[in-house]
C-alpha atoms as a PDB file:
ATOM      1  CA  MET A   1      86.240 136.207 185.878  1.00  0.00           C
ATOM      2  CA  LEU A   2      89.847 135.614 184.931  1.00  0.00           C
ATOM      3  CA  GLU A   3      90.704 135.833 181.409  1.00  0.00           C
ATOM      4  CA  ARG A   4      91.322 133.061 179.323  1.00  0.00           C
ATOM      5  CA  THR A   5      94.792 132.247 177.550  1.00  0.00           C
ATOM      6  CA  GLU A   6      94.448 132.559 173.986  1.00  0.00           C
ATOM      7  CA  LEU A   7      96.307 129.595 171.776  1.00  0.00           C
ATOM      8  CA  VAL A   8      96.784 129.682 168.417  1.00  0.00           C
ATOM      9  CA  ILE A   9      97.178 126.152 166.494  1.00  0.00           C
ATOM     10  CA  ASP A  10      98.318 126.341 162.643  1.00  0.00           C
ATOM     11  CA  VAL A  11      96.869 122.813 160.904  1.00  0.00           C
ATOM     12  CA  ILE A  12      98.436 121.983 158.191  1.00  0.00           C
ATOM     13  CA  SER A  13      96.250 119.620 156.012  1.00  0.00           C
ATOM     14  CA  ASP A  14      94.524 118.362 153.223  1.00  0.00           C
ATOM     15  CA  VAL A  15      90.676 117.601 152.677  1.00  0.00           C
ATOM     16  CA  VAL A  16      91.802 114.089 150.729  1.00  0.00           C
ATOM     17  CA  CYS A  17      93.929 112.881 153.825  1.00  0.00           C
ATOM     18  CA  PRO A  18      91.689 110.625 155.777  1.00  0.00           C
ATOM     19  CA  TRP A  19      94.674 110.900 158.753  1.00  0.00           C
ATOM     20  CA  CYS A  20      93.795 114.784 158.590  1.00  0.00           C
ATOM     21  CA  PHE A  21      90.485 114.063 159.051  1.00  0.00           C
ATOM     22  CA  ILE A  22      91.203 111.700 162.274  1.00  0.00           C
ATOM     23  CA  GLY A  23      93.138 113.957 163.201  1.00  0.00           C
ATOM     24  CA  MET A  24      90.822 117.383 162.814  1.00  0.00           C
ATOM     25  CA  LYS A  25      88.337 115.101 165.113  1.00  0.00           C
ATOM     26  CA  ARG A  26      90.813 114.252 167.647  1.00  0.00           C
ATOM     27  CA  LEU A  27      91.445 118.266 167.998  1.00  0.00           C
ATOM     28  CA  GLU A  28      87.897 119.050 167.965  1.00  0.00           C
ATOM     29  CA  GLN A  29      87.822 116.636 171.217  1.00  0.00           C
ATOM     30  CA  ALA A  30      90.696 117.882 172.553  1.00  0.00           C
ATOM     31  CA  ILE A  31      89.558 121.822 172.379  1.00  0.00           C
ATOM     32  CA  SER A  32      86.067 120.302 173.998  1.00  0.00           C
ATOM     33  CA  LEU A  33      88.287 119.012 176.966  1.00  0.00           C
ATOM     34  CA  ILE A  34      89.882 122.346 177.721  1.00  0.00           C
ATOM     35  CA  ASP A  35      87.754 125.184 179.252  1.00  0.00           C
ATOM     36  CA  ASP A  36      90.503 127.429 180.858  1.00  0.00           C
ATOM     37  CA  VAL A  37      91.933 128.231 177.152  1.00  0.00           C
ATOM     38  CA  GLN A  38      90.962 129.729 174.345  1.00  0.00           C
ATOM     39  CA  ILE A  39      92.126 127.669 171.327  1.00  0.00           C
ATOM     40  CA  LYS A  40      92.088 129.217 167.953  1.00  0.00           C
ATOM     41  CA  PRO A  41      92.747 126.895 165.192  1.00  0.00           C
ATOM     42  CA  ARG A  42      93.911 128.598 161.874  1.00  0.00           C
ATOM     43  CA  TRP A  43      93.842 125.805 158.603  1.00  0.00           C
ATOM     44  CA  ARG A  44      96.965 125.901 156.183  1.00  0.00           C
ATOM     45  CA  PRO A  45      96.829 124.360 153.141  1.00  0.00           C
ATOM     46  CA  PHE A  46      98.865 121.289 152.048  1.00  0.00           C
ATOM     47  CA  GLN A  47      98.583 118.953 148.697  1.00  0.00           C
ATOM     48  CA  LEU A  48      99.444 115.971 148.961  1.00  0.00           C
ATOM     49  CA  ASP A  49      99.436 115.812 145.300  1.00  0.00           C
ATOM     50  CA  PRO A  50      99.229 118.786 143.162  1.00  0.00           C
ATOM     51  CA  ASP A  51      99.444 117.181 140.000  1.00  0.00           C
ATOM     52  CA  VAL A  52      96.268 115.788 140.015  1.00  0.00           C
ATOM     53  CA  PRO A  53      93.923 117.464 136.709  1.00  0.00           C
ATOM     54  CA  ALA A  54      91.555 119.590 137.922  1.00  0.00           C
ATOM     55  CA  LYS A  55      89.145 117.839 137.114  1.00  0.00           C
ATOM     56  CA  GLY A  56      90.139 115.315 138.900  1.00  0.00           C
ATOM     57  CA  LEU A  57      91.002 111.263 138.255  1.00  0.00           C
ATOM     58  CA  PRO A  58      89.060 108.182 138.410  1.00  0.00           C
ATOM     59  CA  ARG A  59      89.992 107.310 142.260  1.00  0.00           C
ATOM     60  CA  ALA A  60      89.750 103.893 141.600  1.00  0.00           C
ATOM     61  CA  LYS A  61      92.357 103.900 139.069  1.00  0.00           C
ATOM     62  CA  TYR A  62      94.303 106.468 141.108  1.00  0.00           C
ATOM     63  CA  MET A  63      94.892 104.566 144.176  1.00  0.00           C
ATOM     64  CA  LEU A  64      95.724 101.222 142.213  1.00  0.00           C
ATOM     65  CA  ASP A  65      98.471 103.456 140.542  1.00  0.00           C
ATOM     66  CA  LYS A  66      99.527 105.166 143.792  1.00  0.00           C
ATOM     67  CA  PHE A  67      99.742 101.639 146.265  1.00  0.00           C
ATOM     68  CA  GLY A  68     100.200  98.716 143.416  1.00  0.00           C
ATOM     69  CA  SER A  69      97.712  96.489 144.732  1.00  0.00           C
ATOM     70  CA  GLU A  70      93.890  95.783 145.330  1.00  0.00           C
ATOM     71  CA  GLU A  71      94.720  94.107 148.730  1.00  0.00           C
ATOM     72  CA  ARG A  72      96.923  96.726 149.817  1.00  0.00           C
ATOM     73  CA  ILE A  73      94.273  99.413 149.505  1.00  0.00           C
ATOM     74  CA  THR A  74      91.268  96.927 150.953  1.00  0.00           C
ATOM     75  CA  ALA A  75      93.244  96.443 153.937  1.00  0.00           C
ATOM     76  CA  MET A  76      94.644 100.461 154.458  1.00  0.00           C
ATOM     77  CA  HIS A  77      90.765 101.151 153.926  1.00  0.00           C
ATOM     78  CA  ALA A  78      89.933  98.543 156.379  1.00  0.00           C
ATOM     79  CA  GLN A  79      92.467 100.046 159.317  1.00  0.00           C
ATOM     80  CA  ILE A  80      91.682 103.569 158.623  1.00  0.00           C
ATOM     81  CA  ALA A  81      87.694 102.914 158.694  1.00  0.00           C
ATOM     82  CA  GLN A  82      88.150 100.997 162.069  1.00  0.00           C
ATOM     83  CA  LEU A  83      90.447 103.597 163.839  1.00  0.00           C
ATOM     84  CA  GLY A  84      88.000 106.375 162.062  1.00  0.00           C
ATOM     85  CA  GLU A  85      84.990 104.563 164.022  1.00  0.00           C
ATOM     86  CA  LEU A  86      86.327 105.567 167.398  1.00  0.00           C
ATOM     87  CA  ASP A  87      86.206 108.929 166.435  1.00  0.00           C
ATOM     88  CA  GLY A  88      82.804 109.162 164.960  1.00  0.00           C
ATOM     89  CA  ILE A  89      84.139 108.788 161.394  1.00  0.00           C
ATOM     90  CA  ARG A  90      81.933 107.354 158.481  1.00  0.00           C
ATOM     91  CA  PHE A  91      84.563 106.441 156.212  1.00  0.00           C
ATOM     92  CA  ASN A  92      82.814 105.353 153.155  1.00  0.00           C
ATOM     93  CA  PHE A  93      85.553 104.560 150.608  1.00  0.00           C
ATOM     94  CA  GLU A  94      83.597 102.277 148.366  1.00  0.00           C
ATOM     95  CA  ASP A  95      81.419 105.576 147.591  1.00  0.00           C
ATOM     96  CA  ILE A  96      84.396 108.276 146.339  1.00  0.00           C
ATOM     97  CA  GLN A  97      84.645 108.314 142.351  1.00  0.00           C
ATOM     98  CA  VAL A  98      86.848 110.699 142.120  1.00  0.00           C
ATOM     99  CA  ALA A  99      89.823 112.046 143.261  1.00  0.00           C
ATOM    100  CA  PRO A 100      89.870 115.376 143.095  1.00  0.00           C
ATOM    101  CA  ASN A 101      92.723 118.425 143.297  1.00  0.00           C
ATOM    102  CA  THR A 102      92.088 120.163 146.197  1.00  0.00           C
ATOM    103  CA  LEU A 103      93.625 123.379 145.203  1.00  0.00           C
ATOM    104  CA  ASP A 104      89.967 125.196 145.212  1.00  0.00           C
ATOM    105  CA  SER A 105      89.013 123.324 148.065  1.00  0.00           C
ATOM    106  CA  HIS A 106      91.892 125.058 150.209  1.00  0.00           C
ATOM    107  CA  ARG A 107      90.613 128.311 148.422  1.00  0.00           C
ATOM    108  CA  LEU A 108      87.289 128.199 150.026  1.00  0.00           C
ATOM    109  CA  ILE A 109      89.370 127.055 153.284  1.00  0.00           C
ATOM    110  CA  ARG A 110      91.113 130.583 153.347  1.00  0.00           C
ATOM    111  CA  TRP A 111      88.223 132.452 152.250  1.00  0.00           C
ATOM    112  CA  ALA A 112      86.590 131.393 155.341  1.00  0.00           C
ATOM    113  CA  GLY A 113      89.213 132.096 157.546  1.00  0.00           C
ATOM    114  CA  SER A 114      88.791 135.830 156.512  1.00  0.00           C
ATOM    115  CA  PRO A 115      88.495 138.219 159.268  1.00  0.00           C
ATOM    116  CA  LYS A 116      85.090 139.018 157.780  1.00  0.00           C
ATOM    117  CA  ALA A 117      83.623 135.638 158.159  1.00  0.00           C
ATOM    118  CA  PRO A 118      82.047 134.287 161.820  1.00  0.00           C
ATOM    119  CA  ASP A 119      84.387 132.970 164.255  1.00  0.00           C
ATOM    120  CA  GLY A 120      84.411 129.539 163.587  1.00  0.00           C
ATOM    121  CA  THR A 121      83.635 129.916 160.145  1.00  0.00           C
ATOM    122  CA  GLN A 122      86.580 128.181 158.728  1.00  0.00           C
ATOM    123  CA  SER A 123      86.885 125.171 161.230  1.00  0.00           C
ATOM    124  CA  LEU A 124      83.130 124.359 160.035  1.00  0.00           C
ATOM    125  CA  ILE A 125      83.995 124.704 156.459  1.00  0.00           C
ATOM    126  CA  VAL A 126      87.269 121.996 156.614  1.00  0.00           C
ATOM    127  CA  LYS A 127      84.753 119.808 158.780  1.00  0.00           C
ATOM    128  CA  ARG A 128      82.181 119.735 155.792  1.00  0.00           C
ATOM    129  CA  LEU A 129      84.478 118.819 153.311  1.00  0.00           C
ATOM    130  CA  PHE A 130      85.843 116.016 154.751  1.00  0.00           C
ATOM    131  CA  GLU A 131      82.304 114.950 155.721  1.00  0.00           C
ATOM    132  CA  LEU A 132      81.894 115.704 151.631  1.00  0.00           C
ATOM    133  CA  TYR A 133      84.589 113.470 150.591  1.00  0.00           C
ATOM    134  CA  PHE A 134      85.134 110.687 152.993  1.00  0.00           C
ATOM    135  CA  GLU A 135      81.672 109.897 154.132  1.00  0.00           C
ATOM    136  CA  GLU A 136      79.251 110.978 151.279  1.00  0.00           C
ATOM    137  CA  GLY A 137      81.439 110.355 148.401  1.00  0.00           C
ATOM    138  CA  ARG A 138      81.178 113.926 146.974  1.00  0.00           C
ATOM    139  CA  ASP A 139      83.690 115.231 144.658  1.00  0.00           C
ATOM    140  CA  ILE A 140      85.346 118.350 146.518  1.00  0.00           C
ATOM    141  CA  GLY A 141      86.543 119.617 143.470  1.00  0.00           C
ATOM    142  CA  ASP A 142      83.925 120.148 142.177  1.00  0.00           C
ATOM    143  CA  HIS A 143      82.622 124.197 142.105  1.00  0.00           C
ATOM    144  CA  LYS A 144      78.819 123.473 142.582  1.00  0.00           C
ATOM    145  CA  VAL A 145      79.884 121.173 145.744  1.00  0.00           C
ATOM    146  CA  LEU A 146      82.403 123.498 147.193  1.00  0.00           C
ATOM    147  CA  THR A 147      79.425 126.203 146.723  1.00  0.00           C
ATOM    148  CA  GLU A 148      76.789 124.162 148.421  1.00  0.00           C
ATOM    149  CA  ALA A 149      79.356 123.731 151.433  1.00  0.00           C
ATOM    150  CA  ALA A 150      79.829 127.400 151.805  1.00  0.00           C
ATOM    151  CA  GLU A 151      76.219 128.037 152.159  1.00  0.00           C
ATOM    152  CA  GLU A 152      75.575 125.356 154.602  1.00  0.00           C
ATOM    153  CA  CYS A 153      78.199 127.298 156.618  1.00  0.00           C
ATOM    154  CA  GLY A 154      76.627 130.391 156.442  1.00  0.00           C
ATOM    155  CA  MET A 155      79.080 131.805 153.606  1.00  0.00           C
ATOM    156  CA  ASP A 156      77.807 133.990 150.625  1.00  0.00           C
ATOM    157  CA  GLY A 157      77.672 130.925 148.197  1.00  0.00           C
ATOM    158  CA  GLY A 158      76.956 133.820 145.007  1.00  0.00           C
ATOM    159  CA  LEU A 159      79.994 134.904 146.024  1.00  0.00           C
ATOM    160  CA  VAL A 160      82.068 132.179 146.857  1.00  0.00           C
ATOM    161  CA  ALA A 161      80.889 130.856 143.036  1.00  0.00           C
ATOM    162  CA  ALA A 162      82.334 133.803 141.446  1.00  0.00           C
ATOM    163  CA  LEU A 163      85.752 133.585 143.299  1.00  0.00           C
ATOM    164  CA  LEU A 164      85.951 130.126 142.474  1.00  0.00           C
ATOM    165  CA  LEU A 165      85.604 131.493 138.745  1.00  0.00           C
ATOM    166  CA  SER A 166      88.658 133.636 139.154  1.00  0.00           C
ATOM    167  CA  PRO A 167      92.554 133.293 139.535  1.00  0.00           C
ATOM    168  CA  ALA A 168      91.521 134.676 143.541  1.00  0.00           C
ATOM    169  CA  ASP A 169      94.599 133.427 146.120  1.00  0.00           C
ATOM    170  CA  ILE A 170      95.743 130.741 143.972  1.00  0.00           C
ATOM    171  CA  GLU A 171      99.477 131.697 143.746  1.00  0.00           C
ATOM    172  CA  SER A 172      99.471 132.817 147.018  1.00  0.00           C
ATOM    173  CA  LEU A 173      98.077 129.306 148.066  1.00  0.00           C
ATOM    174  CA  ARG A 174     100.804 127.774 146.218  1.00  0.00           C
ATOM    175  CA  ALA A 175     103.482 130.106 147.546  1.00  0.00           C
ATOM    176  CA  GLU A 176     102.534 129.060 151.116  1.00  0.00           C
ATOM    177  CA  MET A 177     102.392 125.117 150.361  1.00  0.00           C
ATOM    178  CA  GLN A 178     105.708 125.866 148.872  1.00  0.00           C
ATOM    179  CA  SER A 179     107.154 127.422 151.830  1.00  0.00           C
ATOM    180  CA  ALA A 180     105.517 124.628 154.137  1.00  0.00           C
ATOM    181  CA  ARG A 181     107.587 122.011 152.158  1.00  0.00           C
ATOM    182  CA  ALA A 182     110.408 124.464 152.061  1.00  0.00           C
ATOM    183  CA  MET A 183     110.608 124.480 156.028  1.00  0.00           C
ATOM    184  CA  GLY A 184     110.489 120.341 156.011  1.00  0.00           C
ATOM    185  CA  VAL A 185     107.003 119.905 155.996  1.00  0.00           C
ATOM    186  CA  SER A 186     106.213 116.426 154.072  1.00  0.00           C
ATOM    187  CA  GLY A 187     103.393 115.131 155.919  1.00  0.00           C
ATOM    188  CA  VAL A 188      99.865 115.704 157.326  1.00  0.00           C
ATOM    189  CA  PRO A 189      98.473 116.370 159.398  1.00  0.00           C
ATOM    190  CA  SER A 190     100.836 118.735 160.986  1.00  0.00           C
ATOM    191  CA  PHE A 191      99.894 120.998 164.076  1.00  0.00           C
ATOM    192  CA  VAL A 192     102.093 123.862 164.853  1.00  0.00           C
ATOM    193  CA  LEU A 193     101.349 125.740 168.490  1.00  0.00           C
ATOM    194  CA  GLU A 194     102.205 129.420 168.499  1.00  0.00           C
ATOM    195  CA  ASN A 195     104.499 129.088 165.314  1.00  0.00           C
ATOM    196  CA  ARG A 196     106.967 127.360 167.770  1.00  0.00           C
ATOM    197  CA  TYR A 197     105.924 124.023 168.870  1.00  0.00           C
ATOM    198  CA  VAL A 198     105.134 121.526 165.760  1.00  0.00           C
ATOM    199  CA  LEU A 199     102.965 117.761 166.228  1.00  0.00           C
ATOM    200  CA  VAL A 200     102.879 115.635 163.119  1.00  0.00           C
ATOM    201  CA  GLY A 201     100.391 112.849 162.547  1.00  0.00           C
ATOM    202  CA  ALA A 202      97.072 112.436 163.835  1.00  0.00           C
ATOM    203  CA  GLN A 203      97.834 112.437 167.364  1.00  0.00           C
ATOM    204  CA  GLU A 204      95.635 110.614 170.204  1.00  0.00           C
ATOM    205  CA  THR A 205      93.035 113.543 171.788  1.00  0.00           C
ATOM    206  CA  THR A 206      95.294 112.821 175.044  1.00  0.00           C
ATOM    207  CA  SER A 207      98.572 113.935 173.575  1.00  0.00           C
ATOM    208  CA  LEU A 208      96.959 116.945 172.103  1.00  0.00           C
ATOM    209  CA  VAL A 209      95.195 118.073 175.265  1.00  0.00           C
ATOM    210  CA  ASP A 210      98.888 118.043 177.298  1.00  0.00           C
ATOM    211  CA  ALA A 211     100.620 119.829 174.468  1.00  0.00           C
ATOM    212  CA  LEU A 212      97.954 122.213 174.260  1.00  0.00           C
ATOM    213  CA  ARG A 213      98.037 122.666 178.152  1.00  0.00           C
ATOM    214  CA  GLN A 214     101.868 122.750 178.220  1.00  0.00           C
ATOM    215  CA  VAL A 215     102.074 125.538 175.641  1.00  0.00           C
ATOM    216  CA  ALA A 216      99.687 127.355 176.865  1.00  0.00           C
ATOM    217  CA  SER A 217     100.679 127.597 180.483  1.00  0.00           C
ATOM    218  CA  ALA A 218     104.059 128.468 179.039  1.00  0.00           C
ATOM    219  CA  LYS A 219     102.366 131.517 177.205  1.00  0.00           C
ATOM    220  CA  ALA A 220     100.534 132.351 180.641  1.00  0.00           C
ATOM    221  CA  ARG A 221     104.143 132.345 182.504  1.00  0.00           C
ATOM    222  CA  GLY A 222     105.453 134.466 179.666  1.00  0.00           C
ATOM    223  CA  GLU A 223     107.785 132.024 178.344  1.00  0.00           C
ATOM    224  CA  LEU A 224     107.241 132.444 175.061  1.00  0.00           C
ATOM    225  CA  SER A 225     107.478 136.163 174.466  1.00  0.00           C
ATOM    226  CA  LYS A 226     110.259 137.144 171.742  1.00  0.00           C
ATOM    227  CA  ASP A 227     112.201 138.249 174.593  1.00  0.00           C
ATOM    228  CA  ALA A 228     112.013 134.945 176.739  1.00  0.00           C
END
């Protein structure tokens, strides 16, 4: 059996971004269509609004302050819901009560990507957080919700609960997000293939498949080596 080319894709996203949820679904579909490449997603943190208080804000008022009118918000939600349905997402905006600060969610995502965690745990956590927020209307800034999500995805809930009460990884995550902004990342999702090629936005599945195949082929030919 031929050894499959390994391809690393860093996904910079925020779990309160509906386009990131759509982007995750499309990436998931793209990976399922590529059998001859071993694709390893790594989820990187980004906060669309790091100034939201730790306890969150009432989402209805938050959205109104941000977008200016109920009509605009309704139209935006309808457009996103229609697109999401095509990718198997049941956006349930009316049930979302809290606009959370996502720093603790990103801490959980980082811990799920630990070398000690089983392969795929990080992607499971990311998917579950999107589902909890956008489909079930849960507060993903709440430590209890995050701990439950961790347990559902096979993580040690007691350890996660303890870590959430500590300052673990807060400063390093903030530094990573600041670095991303300094490099010009202002919109999410952003897909970084092999630390070289960047796709911005919720790409169509076919576009992701094409990009992944092209970069994997270039890597297999040795064209991505440091000396190339």
